[in-house]
Amino acid sequence: MSAGGGKKAIIAALSANAGIAVAKFIGAAITGSGSMLAEGVHSVADTGNQGLLLLGQQRAAQEADELHPFGYARNRYFYSFVVALVLFTLGSGYAIYEGIHKIQHPEDLSSPIVAVVILVLAIALESYSFLTAMRESKPLKGNASWWRFIRNSRSPELPVVLLEDTGALIGLVFALLGVGLTVLTGNPVWDGIGTLAIGALLGVIAIVLIVEMQSLLIGEGATPEENRAIQQNLVDGTKIDRVIHLKTQYLGPEEMLVAAKIGVVADLEIADIAAAIDASEERVRAAVPAARIIYLEPDLYRG
């Protein structure tokens, strides 16, 4: 994913969430709905999260320097990890607290129709954000399932936005059910149950994001498909006859470090070995564009 492609999805999500947050807080103030208030806090958290993703992209664009010779691309992983923490603490934690409070101390809703209208509008705006993220993700997803794309993607922003929007849409349905059942039954406890469900949902999504972003932040290697392509293109069958061992690591979403010990044919001249290594690097970069930094150590295979 290019930074620009991810940025389009992030800006769409930020715009939608900012407008939704204002509407939800107005609705919560009018109706007294706990689920509306929890959803408002959720939207504020999501808006801030999109701001953090944009900040991460900006920081990642800094040029490499003496202190960080491989650059700052991992800022995108760091800020995505912070997003997951914010979603867990602010979004999930507050909703669970508010849900428990509303169940223990239920309050009647006033003007529930206002809440319903706002929630339906919010579903429409979140759907726009979600569909934008899906369109941006499809070229990268290929034939893989959405879950596999989220688990295997080395670019953090689109999986974050997809999971956030999924959680927002399901959360809005929970809020709508909480308000609707409160109106139908006359029992405001349902509003608290809806709020609690929103908190549990956000907690699950935040934990998935924390696990995925933590793995990227520590450093993930090439995908199995990329690993096979690298190994195949390192060997030319004439001067380089095998890969003795190979290590890879993503330094950022679009930059991979490749380090390998390669077996060269015996009795080659130094100039021939150097030419073979240069040609091998060109083949690898053509097959796997993310493999921008390649270190190859020639050696004789001894079995």
Protein backbone atom coordinates (compact mmCIF):
# COMPACT_ATOMS: atom_id res chain seq x y z
CA MET A 1 0.00 0.00 0.00
CA SER A 2 1.29 3.41 -0.81
CA ALA A 3 1.07 6.09 1.81
CA GLY A 4 -1.22 8.05 -0.47
CA GLY A 5 -3.63 5.16 -0.89
CA GLY A 6 -3.86 4.64 2.85
CA LYS A 7 -4.22 8.37 3.41
CA LYS A 8 -7.43 8.49 1.34
CA ALA A 9 -9.07 5.87 3.55
CA ILE A 10 -7.80 7.57 6.72
CA ILE A 11 -9.15 10.99 5.71
CA ALA A 12 -12.53 9.47 4.77
CA ALA A 13 -12.71 7.80 8.20
CA LEU A 14 -11.59 10.96 10.01
CA SER A 15 -14.20 13.13 8.27
CA ALA A 16 -17.00 10.65 8.93
CA ASN A 17 -16.07 10.11 12.59
CA ALA A 18 -15.72 13.82 13.38
CA GLY A 19 -19.22 14.54 12.07
CA ILE A 20 -20.67 11.46 13.75
CA ALA A 21 -19.11 12.35 17.13
CA VAL A 22 -20.78 15.77 17.19
CA ALA A 23 -24.16 14.26 16.24
CA LYS A 24 -23.89 11.51 18.86
CA PHE A 25 -23.03 13.90 21.69
CA ILE A 26 -25.99 16.10 20.76
CA GLY A 27 -28.19 13.02 20.71
CA ALA A 28 -26.85 11.81 24.07
CA ALA A 29 -27.47 15.23 25.64
CA ILE A 30 -31.07 15.30 24.36
CA THR A 31 -32.00 11.68 25.12
CA GLY A 32 -29.81 10.78 28.09
CA SER A 33 -28.86 7.53 26.33
CA GLY A 34 -25.79 5.80 27.72
CA SER A 35 -25.23 3.86 24.51
CA MET A 36 -25.33 7.14 22.55
CA LEU A 37 -22.79 8.67 24.92
CA ALA A 38 -20.54 5.60 24.66
CA GLU A 39 -20.79 5.77 20.87
CA GLY A 40 -19.90 9.48 21.00
CA VAL A 41 -16.74 8.72 23.00
CA HIS A 42 -16.00 5.89 20.57
CA SER A 43 -16.23 8.30 17.62
CA VAL A 44 -13.97 10.84 19.36
CA ALA A 45 -11.44 8.05 19.94
CA ASP A 46 -11.69 6.99 16.30
CA THR A 47 -11.24 10.59 15.10
CA GLY A 48 -8.13 10.96 17.25
CA ASN A 49 -6.89 7.61 16.02
CA GLN A 50 -7.09 8.67 12.39
CA GLY A 51 -5.12 11.79 13.34
CA LEU A 52 -2.47 9.53 14.90
CA LEU A 53 -2.29 7.41 11.72
CA LEU A 54 -1.70 10.56 9.64
CA LEU A 55 0.96 11.71 12.12
CA GLY A 56 2.64 8.30 11.85
CA GLN A 57 2.80 8.61 8.07
CA GLN A 58 4.29 12.09 8.36
CA ARG A 59 6.94 10.98 10.86
CA ALA A 60 7.75 7.90 8.76
CA ALA A 61 8.65 10.11 5.78
CA GLN A 62 11.71 11.57 7.57
CA GLU A 63 15.04 10.90 5.87
CA ALA A 64 17.42 8.38 7.37
CA ASP A 65 20.17 9.86 9.55
CA GLU A 66 23.14 8.72 11.60
CA LEU A 67 20.99 7.76 14.58
CA HIS A 68 18.44 5.88 12.44
CA PRO A 69 20.37 4.63 9.39
CA PHE A 70 17.43 2.54 8.19
CA GLY A 71 15.04 5.47 8.38
CA TYR A 72 11.87 6.17 10.35
CA ALA A 73 9.34 4.01 8.49
CA ARG A 74 8.47 2.05 11.65
CA ASN A 75 6.74 5.15 12.98
CA ARG A 76 3.71 3.89 11.05
CA TYR A 77 3.76 0.72 13.16
CA PHE A 78 4.30 2.63 16.41
CA TYR A 79 1.42 5.05 15.90
CA SER A 80 -0.87 2.22 14.80
CA PHE A 81 -0.01 0.44 18.06
CA VAL A 82 -0.87 3.62 19.98
CA VAL A 83 -4.22 3.67 18.10
CA ALA A 84 -4.97 0.16 19.37
CA LEU A 85 -4.18 1.23 22.94
CA VAL A 86 -6.42 4.29 22.67
CA LEU A 87 -9.27 2.17 21.29
CA PHE A 88 -8.89 -0.25 24.21
CA THR A 89 -8.55 2.28 27.04
CA LEU A 90 -10.76 5.16 25.89
CA GLY A 91 -13.27 3.41 23.62
CA SER A 92 -13.75 0.04 25.30
CA GLY A 93 -12.96 1.05 28.88
CA TYR A 94 -15.36 3.99 28.94
CA ALA A 95 -18.19 2.07 27.25
CA ILE A 96 -17.91 -0.80 29.75
CA TYR A 97 -17.89 1.64 32.67
CA GLU A 98 -20.89 3.55 31.30
CA GLY A 99 -22.76 0.31 30.56
CA ILE A 100 -22.32 -1.01 34.09
CA HIS A 101 -23.39 2.35 35.49
CA LYS A 102 -26.54 2.44 33.33
CA ILE A 103 -27.48 -1.11 34.31
CA GLN A 104 -27.02 -0.37 38.03
CA HIS A 105 -28.75 3.02 37.79
CA PRO A 106 -31.14 2.92 34.80
CA GLU A 107 -32.59 6.22 33.57
CA ASP A 108 -35.53 6.73 31.22
CA LEU A 109 -34.75 8.08 27.76
CA SER A 110 -36.24 11.33 26.52
CA SER A 111 -36.93 11.92 22.80
CA PRO A 112 -35.61 8.48 21.75
CA ILE A 113 -36.57 9.20 18.13
CA VAL A 114 -33.70 11.71 18.04
CA ALA A 115 -31.28 8.93 18.99
CA VAL A 116 -32.67 6.64 16.30
CA VAL A 117 -32.33 9.30 13.57
CA ILE A 118 -28.75 10.10 14.59
CA LEU A 119 -27.78 6.45 14.75
CA VAL A 120 -29.21 5.77 11.28
CA LEU A 121 -27.29 8.80 9.93
CA ALA A 122 -24.13 7.56 11.64
CA ILE A 123 -24.54 4.11 10.04
CA ALA A 124 -24.71 5.79 6.62
CA LEU A 125 -21.53 7.83 7.25
CA GLU A 126 -19.63 4.87 8.72
CA SER A 127 -20.67 2.77 5.71
CA TYR A 128 -19.10 5.38 3.43
CA SER A 129 -15.84 5.21 5.40
CA PHE A 130 -15.91 1.40 5.46
CA LEU A 131 -16.54 1.09 1.72
CA THR A 132 -13.69 3.54 1.01
CA ALA A 133 -11.31 1.42 3.09
CA MET A 134 -12.48 -1.73 1.30
CA ARG A 135 -11.87 -0.17 -2.12
CA GLU A 136 -8.38 0.93 -1.08
CA SER A 137 -7.60 -2.54 0.28
CA LYS A 138 -8.77 -4.68 -2.65
CA PRO A 139 -5.65 -4.25 -4.85
CA LEU A 140 -3.50 -5.48 -1.95
CA LYS A 141 -5.90 -8.14 -0.71
CA GLY A 142 -6.06 -9.99 -4.02
CA ASN A 143 -7.79 -13.35 -3.65
CA ALA A 144 -7.11 -13.63 0.07
CA SER A 145 -9.91 -13.40 2.63
CA TRP A 146 -10.38 -10.15 4.52
CA TRP A 147 -9.25 -11.82 7.74
CA ARG A 148 -6.09 -13.11 6.07
CA PHE A 149 -5.41 -9.64 4.66
CA ILE A 150 -5.69 -8.10 8.14
CA ARG A 151 -3.42 -10.79 9.64
CA ASN A 152 -0.79 -10.81 6.87
CA SER A 153 -0.65 -7.19 5.73
CA ARG A 154 2.65 -5.46 6.48
CA SER A 155 0.96 -2.06 6.03
CA PRO A 156 -0.84 -1.09 9.23
CA GLU A 157 -3.25 1.71 8.30
CA LEU A 158 -5.84 -0.09 6.16
CA PRO A 159 -6.28 -3.03 8.58
CA VAL A 160 -6.69 -0.52 11.42
CA VAL A 161 -9.31 1.51 9.54
CA LEU A 162 -11.14 -1.65 8.40
CA LEU A 163 -11.35 -3.05 11.92
CA GLU A 164 -12.31 0.32 13.42
CA ASP A 165 -15.09 0.82 10.86
CA THR A 166 -16.33 -2.74 11.34
CA GLY A 167 -16.46 -2.16 15.09
CA ALA A 168 -18.19 1.18 14.59
CA LEU A 169 -20.91 -0.30 12.36
CA ILE A 170 -21.59 -3.23 14.70
CA GLY A 171 -21.47 -0.86 17.68
CA LEU A 172 -24.07 1.38 16.06
CA VAL A 173 -26.34 -1.63 15.61
CA PHE A 174 -25.88 -2.46 19.31
CA ALA A 175 -26.74 1.14 20.22
CA LEU A 176 -29.79 1.06 17.95
CA LEU A 177 -30.95 -2.20 19.55
CA GLY A 178 -30.37 -0.80 23.04
CA VAL A 179 -32.42 2.32 22.34
CA GLY A 180 -35.08 0.37 20.41
CA LEU A 181 -35.58 -2.27 23.09
CA THR A 182 -35.72 0.44 25.76
CA VAL A 183 -38.54 2.14 23.86
CA LEU A 184 -40.41 -1.13 23.15
CA THR A 185 -40.16 -2.58 26.66
CA GLY A 186 -40.07 0.62 28.69
CA ASN A 187 -37.05 -0.82 30.51
CA PRO A 188 -33.97 1.48 30.31
CA VAL A 189 -31.69 -1.40 31.38
CA TRP A 190 -31.56 -2.38 27.69
CA ASP A 191 -29.73 0.86 26.93
CA GLY A 192 -27.08 -0.11 29.48
CA ILE A 193 -26.81 -3.60 28.00
CA GLY A 194 -26.30 -2.08 24.54
CA THR A 195 -23.56 0.15 25.96
CA LEU A 196 -21.87 -2.83 27.62
CA ALA A 197 -21.98 -4.78 24.34
CA ILE A 198 -20.29 -1.86 22.56
CA GLY A 199 -17.50 -1.88 25.15
CA ALA A 200 -16.95 -5.64 24.84
CA LEU A 201 -16.87 -5.39 21.04
CA LEU A 202 -14.32 -2.56 21.08
CA GLY A 203 -12.21 -4.49 23.56
CA VAL A 204 -12.03 -7.53 21.28
CA ILE A 205 -11.13 -5.40 18.23
CA ALA A 206 -8.52 -3.47 20.22
CA ILE A 207 -6.87 -6.70 21.43
CA VAL A 208 -6.68 -8.02 17.83
CA LEU A 209 -5.06 -4.74 16.75
CA ILE A 210 -2.64 -4.72 19.69
CA VAL A 211 -1.45 -8.25 18.86
CA GLU A 212 -1.05 -7.48 15.14
CA MET A 213 0.66 -4.10 15.59
CA GLN A 214 2.96 -5.43 18.31
CA SER A 215 4.12 -8.13 15.91
CA LEU A 216 4.80 -5.56 13.17
CA LEU A 217 6.57 -3.24 15.61
CA ILE A 218 8.93 -6.00 16.74
CA GLY A 219 9.64 -6.84 13.11
CA GLU A 220 8.01 -9.32 10.73
CA GLY A 221 9.74 -11.06 7.86
CA ALA A 222 8.65 -11.64 4.28
CA THR A 223 5.40 -13.44 3.57
CA PRO A 224 5.74 -17.08 2.43
CA GLU A 225 5.07 -16.00 -1.17
CA GLU A 226 7.71 -13.25 -0.98
CA ASN A 227 10.17 -15.62 0.67
CA ARG A 228 9.82 -18.14 -2.17
CA ALA A 229 10.24 -15.40 -4.79
CA ILE A 230 13.39 -14.10 -3.08
CA GLN A 231 14.98 -17.54 -2.86
CA GLN A 232 14.15 -18.37 -6.48
CA ASN A 233 15.62 -15.11 -7.78
CA LEU A 234 18.78 -15.20 -5.68
CA VAL A 235 19.91 -18.32 -7.53
CA ASP A 236 20.92 -18.13 -11.20
CA GLY A 237 21.95 -21.78 -11.62
CA THR A 238 25.34 -20.92 -13.11
CA LYS A 239 27.35 -18.79 -10.69
CA ILE A 240 25.05 -18.86 -7.64
CA ASP A 241 23.76 -22.38 -7.09
CA ARG A 242 21.98 -22.22 -3.75
CA VAL A 243 20.78 -20.10 -0.82
CA ILE A 244 22.56 -21.33 2.31
CA HIS A 245 20.39 -19.24 4.64
CA LEU A 246 18.11 -16.26 4.34
CA LYS A 247 16.74 -13.69 6.80
CA THR A 248 14.26 -10.92 6.03
CA GLN A 249 12.60 -8.17 8.01
CA TYR A 250 10.22 -5.35 7.16
CA LEU A 251 11.78 -2.05 8.23
CA GLY A 252 8.54 -0.33 7.24
CA PRO A 253 5.40 -1.12 5.24
CA GLU A 254 7.19 -0.71 1.88
CA GLU A 255 10.79 -1.46 2.80
CA MET A 256 12.24 -4.91 3.46
CA LEU A 257 15.75 -5.85 4.55
CA VAL A 258 17.09 -9.02 2.90
CA ALA A 259 20.25 -10.68 4.24
CA ALA A 260 21.43 -13.98 2.79
CA LYS A 261 24.43 -16.24 2.58
CA ILE A 262 24.60 -17.63 -0.94
CA GLY A 263 26.57 -20.54 -2.29
CA VAL A 264 28.73 -19.60 -5.28
CA VAL A 265 30.39 -21.96 -7.72
CA ALA A 266 34.00 -22.76 -6.79
CA ASP A 267 36.96 -21.13 -8.56
CA LEU A 268 35.03 -18.04 -9.70
CA GLU A 269 36.96 -14.80 -10.07
CA ILE A 270 36.06 -11.96 -7.70
CA ALA A 271 34.75 -9.87 -10.59
CA ASP A 272 32.43 -12.72 -11.64
CA ILE A 273 31.13 -13.09 -8.09
CA ALA A 274 30.46 -9.35 -7.84
CA ALA A 275 28.61 -9.34 -11.17
CA ALA A 276 26.56 -12.38 -10.11
CA ILE A 277 25.59 -10.66 -6.85
CA ASP A 278 24.57 -7.46 -8.66
CA ALA A 279 22.42 -9.45 -11.09
CA SER A 280 20.87 -11.40 -8.22
CA GLU A 281 19.91 -8.20 -6.40
CA GLU A 282 18.29 -6.83 -9.56
CA ARG A 283 16.19 -10.00 -9.98
CA VAL A 284 15.06 -9.94 -6.38
CA ARG A 285 14.05 -6.26 -6.50
CA ALA A 286 12.12 -6.84 -9.72
CA ALA A 287 10.24 -9.79 -8.18
CA VAL A 288 9.72 -8.25 -4.72
CA PRO A 289 9.76 -4.41 -4.95
CA ALA A 290 9.72 -4.04 -1.16
CA ALA A 291 13.17 -5.69 -1.00
CA ARG A 292 15.02 -2.39 -1.18
CA ILE A 293 17.97 -3.19 1.11
CA ILE A 294 19.85 -6.38 0.21
CA TYR A 295 23.05 -7.73 1.78
CA LEU A 296 24.48 -10.89 0.21
CA GLU A 297 27.43 -12.87 1.59
CA PRO A 298 29.05 -15.23 -0.93
CA ASP A 299 30.35 -18.53 0.40
CA LEU A 300 31.16 -22.08 -0.69
CA TYR A 301 28.55 -24.67 0.23
CA ARG A 302 30.14 -27.39 2.36
CA GLY A 303 27.10 -29.59 2.87
